[in-house]
Amino acid sequence: MENKLFANAYIQELEAEYTSTRKCLERIPETSYNYKPHPKSMEMGYLTLLVAEIPLWVAVMVEEGEIDFVTFKHMDTREREAVVRHYDENIERAKAALQNATEEDLAKEFRLKNKGELLYAQPMVAAIGSTINHWVHHRGQLTVYMRLNDIAVPSIYGPSADDKGFS
């Protein structure tokens, strides 16, 4: 029963972060995808797709119990509307996976792999929480890239310099 409470809380968290994340994704022009603020930084296009795709990780984690970096299927597009649609689908799939998860599903161990090699294992409930935190972190990183490219940053938890409203 406790794990289902976590699942419901995670659904609420996905819903709370949904709109502001979508507003960011809607504003990223395809022409800025090659931008990198530093040679060690990821490209804006990769970061945009990552932010759109991390909710899918939650679904795959719950449904399959593991993610392998080599076999995980990524979307390959630079078309803004397709990225936003992909994001919407990923949010819905993550929420459905959490809604439909059994206590047994949520009690399992999550495994992260690379080419079949185990990188780490963690209780599923903890892994989902850290994945949502990872998603929010990358959205924050994306807003910095947006600011550096004069792309209006939406209100996230409160007003931004570009959007004076509350999300």
C-alpha atoms as a PDB file:
ATOM      1  CA  MET A   1       0.000   0.000   0.000  1.00  0.00           C
ATOM      2  CA  GLU A   2       2.858   2.381   0.811  1.00  0.00           C
ATOM      3  CA  ASN A   3       4.365   2.003  -2.669  1.00  0.00           C
ATOM      4  CA  LYS A   4       1.022   2.901  -4.282  1.00  0.00           C
ATOM      5  CA  LEU A   5       1.049   6.095  -2.224  1.00  0.00           C
ATOM      6  CA  PHE A   6       4.451   6.896  -3.713  1.00  0.00           C
ATOM      7  CA  ALA A   7       3.137   6.119  -7.202  1.00  0.00           C
ATOM      8  CA  ASN A   8       0.208   8.490  -6.707  1.00  0.00           C
ATOM      9  CA  ALA A   9       2.529  11.194  -5.377  1.00  0.00           C
ATOM     10  CA  TYR A  10       4.770  10.753  -8.431  1.00  0.00           C
ATOM     11  CA  ILE A  11       1.761  11.108 -10.739  1.00  0.00           C
ATOM     12  CA  GLN A  12       0.920  14.382  -8.993  1.00  0.00           C
ATOM     13  CA  GLU A  13       4.521  15.527  -9.384  1.00  0.00           C
ATOM     14  CA  LEU A  14       4.527  14.724 -13.116  1.00  0.00           C
ATOM     15  CA  GLU A  15       1.302  16.696 -13.479  1.00  0.00           C
ATOM     16  CA  ALA A  16       2.722  19.631 -11.488  1.00  0.00           C
ATOM     17  CA  GLU A  17       5.829  19.834 -13.703  1.00  0.00           C
ATOM     18  CA  TYR A  18       4.020  19.131 -16.980  1.00  0.00           C
ATOM     19  CA  THR A  19       2.870  22.594 -18.102  1.00  0.00           C
ATOM     20  CA  SER A  20       6.026  24.583 -17.438  1.00  0.00           C
ATOM     21  CA  THR A  21       8.136  21.890 -19.093  1.00  0.00           C
ATOM     22  CA  ARG A  22       5.844  21.875 -22.122  1.00  0.00           C
ATOM     23  CA  LYS A  23       6.096  25.668 -22.371  1.00  0.00           C
ATOM     24  CA  CYS A  24       9.880  25.350 -22.513  1.00  0.00           C
ATOM     25  CA  LEU A  25       9.768  22.663 -25.211  1.00  0.00           C
ATOM     26  CA  GLU A  26       7.302  24.683 -27.284  1.00  0.00           C
ATOM     27  CA  ARG A  27       9.740  27.596 -27.417  1.00  0.00           C
ATOM     28  CA  ILE A  28      12.911  25.832 -28.575  1.00  0.00           C
ATOM     29  CA  PRO A  29      13.448  26.555 -32.288  1.00  0.00           C
ATOM     30  CA  GLU A  30      14.992  23.781 -34.350  1.00  0.00           C
ATOM     31  CA  THR A  31      17.620  26.290 -35.511  1.00  0.00           C
ATOM     32  CA  SER A  32      19.100  26.406 -31.988  1.00  0.00           C
ATOM     33  CA  TYR A  33      19.606  22.636 -31.635  1.00  0.00           C
ATOM     34  CA  ASN A  34      23.354  22.794 -32.338  1.00  0.00           C
ATOM     35  CA  TYR A  35      23.999  25.425 -29.638  1.00  0.00           C
ATOM     36  CA  LYS A  36      26.428  24.498 -26.837  1.00  0.00           C
ATOM     37  CA  PRO A  37      27.353  27.014 -24.120  1.00  0.00           C
ATOM     38  CA  HIS A  38      30.681  25.232 -23.556  1.00  0.00           C
ATOM     39  CA  PRO A  39      32.634  22.529 -25.410  1.00  0.00           C
ATOM     40  CA  LYS A  40      31.889  20.071 -22.566  1.00  0.00           C
ATOM     41  CA  SER A  41      28.158  20.858 -22.610  1.00  0.00           C
ATOM     42  CA  MET A  42      25.551  18.843 -24.465  1.00  0.00           C
ATOM     43  CA  GLU A  43      23.892  20.389 -27.507  1.00  0.00           C
ATOM     44  CA  MET A  44      20.590  22.148 -26.974  1.00  0.00           C
ATOM     45  CA  GLY A  45      18.831  19.713 -29.312  1.00  0.00           C
ATOM     46  CA  TYR A  46      19.992  16.706 -27.308  1.00  0.00           C
ATOM     47  CA  LEU A  47      18.990  18.449 -24.078  1.00  0.00           C
ATOM     48  CA  THR A  48      15.560  19.329 -25.507  1.00  0.00           C
ATOM     49  CA  LEU A  49      14.923  15.721 -26.517  1.00  0.00           C
ATOM     50  CA  LEU A  50      16.219  14.510 -23.152  1.00  0.00           C
ATOM     51  CA  VAL A  51      13.749  16.727 -21.285  1.00  0.00           C
ATOM     52  CA  ALA A  52      10.939  15.483 -23.545  1.00  0.00           C
ATOM     53  CA  GLU A  53      11.968  11.857 -23.087  1.00  0.00           C
ATOM     54  CA  ILE A  54      12.762  11.438 -19.386  1.00  0.00           C
ATOM     55  CA  PRO A  55       9.083  10.868 -18.502  1.00  0.00           C
ATOM     56  CA  LEU A  56       9.247   7.847 -20.837  1.00  0.00           C
ATOM     57  CA  TRP A  57      12.030   6.498 -18.635  1.00  0.00           C
ATOM     58  CA  VAL A  58       9.539   6.323 -15.763  1.00  0.00           C
ATOM     59  CA  ALA A  59       7.167   4.200 -17.837  1.00  0.00           C
ATOM     60  CA  VAL A  60       9.914   1.874 -19.049  1.00  0.00           C
ATOM     61  CA  MET A  61      11.299   1.546 -15.530  1.00  0.00           C
ATOM     62  CA  VAL A  62       7.933   0.421 -14.160  1.00  0.00           C
ATOM     63  CA  GLU A  63       6.940  -1.713 -17.160  1.00  0.00           C
ATOM     64  CA  GLU A  64      10.276  -3.420 -17.838  1.00  0.00           C
ATOM     65  CA  GLY A  65      12.311  -2.989 -14.673  1.00  0.00           C
ATOM     66  CA  GLU A  66      15.424  -1.819 -16.479  1.00  0.00           C
ATOM     67  CA  ILE A  67      16.867   0.593 -18.995  1.00  0.00           C
ATOM     68  CA  ASP A  68      19.889  -0.182 -21.130  1.00  0.00           C
ATOM     69  CA  PHE A  69      21.452   2.878 -22.744  1.00  0.00           C
ATOM     70  CA  VAL A  70      22.236   0.908 -25.907  1.00  0.00           C
ATOM     71  CA  THR A  71      18.791  -0.581 -26.530  1.00  0.00           C
ATOM     72  CA  PHE A  72      16.613   2.306 -25.284  1.00  0.00           C
ATOM     73  CA  LYS A  73      14.813   3.761 -28.312  1.00  0.00           C
ATOM     74  CA  HIS A  74      15.181   7.536 -28.612  1.00  0.00           C
ATOM     75  CA  MET A  75      13.126   9.813 -30.797  1.00  0.00           C
ATOM     76  CA  ASP A  76      15.151  11.259 -33.650  1.00  0.00           C
ATOM     77  CA  THR A  77      13.688  14.527 -34.849  1.00  0.00           C
ATOM     78  CA  ARG A  78      14.303  18.239 -34.815  1.00  0.00           C
ATOM     79  CA  GLU A  79      10.690  19.151 -35.556  1.00  0.00           C
ATOM     80  CA  ARG A  80       9.301  21.119 -32.626  1.00  0.00           C
ATOM     81  CA  GLU A  81       5.702  19.900 -32.862  1.00  0.00           C
ATOM     82  CA  ALA A  82       6.856  16.265 -32.984  1.00  0.00           C
ATOM     83  CA  VAL A  83       9.016  16.779 -29.891  1.00  0.00           C
ATOM     84  CA  VAL A  84       6.094  18.329 -28.007  1.00  0.00           C
ATOM     85  CA  ARG A  85       3.754  15.503 -29.085  1.00  0.00           C
ATOM     86  CA  HIS A  86       6.379  12.950 -28.006  1.00  0.00           C
ATOM     87  CA  TYR A  87       6.612  14.701 -24.634  1.00  0.00           C
ATOM     88  CA  ASP A  88       2.818  14.647 -24.182  1.00  0.00           C
ATOM     89  CA  GLU A  89       2.727  10.927 -25.035  1.00  0.00           C
ATOM     90  CA  ASN A  90       5.588  10.205 -22.633  1.00  0.00           C
ATOM     91  CA  ILE A  91       3.865  12.018 -19.765  1.00  0.00           C
ATOM     92  CA  GLU A  92       0.643  10.079 -20.369  1.00  0.00           C
ATOM     93  CA  ARG A  93       2.496   6.771 -20.600  1.00  0.00           C
ATOM     94  CA  ALA A  94       4.417   7.489 -17.371  1.00  0.00           C
ATOM     95  CA  LYS A  95       1.206   8.374 -15.524  1.00  0.00           C
ATOM     96  CA  ALA A  96      -0.531   5.253 -16.871  1.00  0.00           C
ATOM     97  CA  ALA A  97       2.390   3.029 -15.885  1.00  0.00           C
ATOM     98  CA  LEU A  98       2.336   4.419 -12.353  1.00  0.00           C
ATOM     99  CA  GLN A  99      -1.463   4.209 -12.146  1.00  0.00           C
ATOM    100  CA  ASN A 100      -1.447   0.582 -13.317  1.00  0.00           C
ATOM    101  CA  ALA A 101       1.582  -0.527 -11.304  1.00  0.00           C
ATOM    102  CA  THR A 102       0.999  -3.146  -8.685  1.00  0.00           C
ATOM    103  CA  GLU A 103       2.615  -3.188  -5.266  1.00  0.00           C
ATOM    104  CA  GLU A 104       4.794  -5.986  -6.628  1.00  0.00           C
ATOM    105  CA  ASP A 105       5.898  -3.857  -9.620  1.00  0.00           C
ATOM    106  CA  LEU A 106       6.878  -1.001  -7.347  1.00  0.00           C
ATOM    107  CA  ALA A 107       8.673  -3.262  -4.863  1.00  0.00           C
ATOM    108  CA  LYS A 108      11.045  -4.529  -7.564  1.00  0.00           C
ATOM    109  CA  GLU A 109      14.579  -3.396  -8.098  1.00  0.00           C
ATOM    110  CA  PHE A 110      15.329  -1.068 -11.022  1.00  0.00           C
ATOM    111  CA  ARG A 111      18.465  -1.813 -13.033  1.00  0.00           C
ATOM    112  CA  LEU A 112      20.368   0.653 -15.216  1.00  0.00           C
ATOM    113  CA  LYS A 113      22.634  -0.967 -17.791  1.00  0.00           C
ATOM    114  CA  ASN A 114      24.980  -0.080 -20.598  1.00  0.00           C
ATOM    115  CA  LYS A 115      25.477  -2.771 -23.263  1.00  0.00           C
ATOM    116  CA  GLY A 116      24.047  -5.297 -20.818  1.00  0.00           C
ATOM    117  CA  GLU A 117      26.521  -4.366 -18.086  1.00  0.00           C
ATOM    118  CA  LEU A 118      24.870  -3.398 -14.816  1.00  0.00           C
ATOM    119  CA  LEU A 119      25.736   0.185 -13.863  1.00  0.00           C
ATOM    120  CA  TYR A 120      23.603   0.255 -10.747  1.00  0.00           C
ATOM    121  CA  ALA A 121      20.470  -1.159  -9.161  1.00  0.00           C
ATOM    122  CA  GLN A 122      18.094   0.662  -6.843  1.00  0.00           C
ATOM    123  CA  PRO A 123      14.642   0.071  -5.347  1.00  0.00           C
ATOM    124  CA  MET A 124      12.030   1.079  -7.951  1.00  0.00           C
ATOM    125  CA  VAL A 125      10.308   3.698  -5.799  1.00  0.00           C
ATOM    126  CA  ALA A 126      13.607   5.469  -5.101  1.00  0.00           C
ATOM    127  CA  ALA A 127      14.659   5.217  -8.754  1.00  0.00           C
ATOM    128  CA  ILE A 128      11.435   6.857  -9.930  1.00  0.00           C
ATOM    129  CA  GLY A 129      11.922   9.750  -7.505  1.00  0.00           C
ATOM    130  CA  SER A 130      15.512  10.342  -8.585  1.00  0.00           C
ATOM    131  CA  THR A 131      14.457  10.150 -12.251  1.00  0.00           C
ATOM    132  CA  ILE A 132      11.856  12.879 -11.743  1.00  0.00           C
ATOM    133  CA  ASN A 133      14.500  14.986  -9.988  1.00  0.00           C
ATOM    134  CA  HIS A 134      16.861  14.329 -12.910  1.00  0.00           C
ATOM    135  CA  TRP A 135      14.156  15.523 -15.328  1.00  0.00           C
ATOM    136  CA  VAL A 136      13.572  18.750 -13.392  1.00  0.00           C
ATOM    137  CA  HIS A 137      17.328  19.350 -13.224  1.00  0.00           C
ATOM    138  CA  HIS A 138      17.649  19.083 -17.008  1.00  0.00           C
ATOM    139  CA  ARG A 139      14.659  21.366 -17.513  1.00  0.00           C
ATOM    140  CA  GLY A 140      16.476  23.939 -15.371  1.00  0.00           C
ATOM    141  CA  GLN A 141      19.564  23.466 -17.499  1.00  0.00           C
ATOM    142  CA  LEU A 142      17.412  23.977 -20.597  1.00  0.00           C
ATOM    143  CA  THR A 143      16.125  27.294 -19.237  1.00  0.00           C
ATOM    144  CA  VAL A 144      19.724  28.517 -18.933  1.00  0.00           C
ATOM    145  CA  TYR A 145      20.330  27.578 -22.574  1.00  0.00           C
ATOM    146  CA  MET A 146      17.098  29.406 -23.443  1.00  0.00           C
ATOM    147  CA  ARG A 147      18.231  32.561 -21.643  1.00  0.00           C
ATOM    148  CA  LEU A 148      21.626  32.437 -23.396  1.00  0.00           C
ATOM    149  CA  ASN A 149      19.787  32.265 -26.743  1.00  0.00           C
ATOM    150  CA  ASP A 150      17.263  35.033 -25.985  1.00  0.00           C
ATOM    151  CA  ILE A 151      14.408  32.519 -25.924  1.00  0.00           C
ATOM    152  CA  ALA A 152      11.715  33.667 -23.497  1.00  0.00           C
ATOM    153  CA  VAL A 153      11.818  31.593 -20.306  1.00  0.00           C
ATOM    154  CA  PRO A 154       8.339  30.746 -19.014  1.00  0.00           C
ATOM    155  CA  SER A 155       7.176  31.036 -15.452  1.00  0.00           C
ATOM    156  CA  ILE A 156       8.096  27.790 -13.728  1.00  0.00           C
ATOM    157  CA  TYR A 157       7.607  28.070  -9.963  1.00  0.00           C
ATOM    158  CA  GLY A 158       6.968  31.759 -10.120  1.00  0.00           C
ATOM    159  CA  PRO A 159       7.506  34.697 -12.457  1.00  0.00           C
ATOM    160  CA  SER A 160      10.499  34.821 -14.781  1.00  0.00           C
ATOM    161  CA  ALA A 161      12.055  37.902 -16.351  1.00  0.00           C
ATOM    162  CA  ASP A 162      10.017  37.049 -19.475  1.00  0.00           C
ATOM    163  CA  ASP A 163       6.762  35.767 -17.961  1.00  0.00           C
ATOM    164  CA  LYS A 164       5.448  37.703 -14.978  1.00  0.00           C
ATOM    165  CA  GLY A 165       2.671  35.219 -14.158  1.00  0.00           C
ATOM    166  CA  PHE A 166       2.659  32.238 -11.862  1.00  0.00           C
ATOM    167  CA  SER A 167       2.536  28.780 -13.432  1.00  0.00           C
END
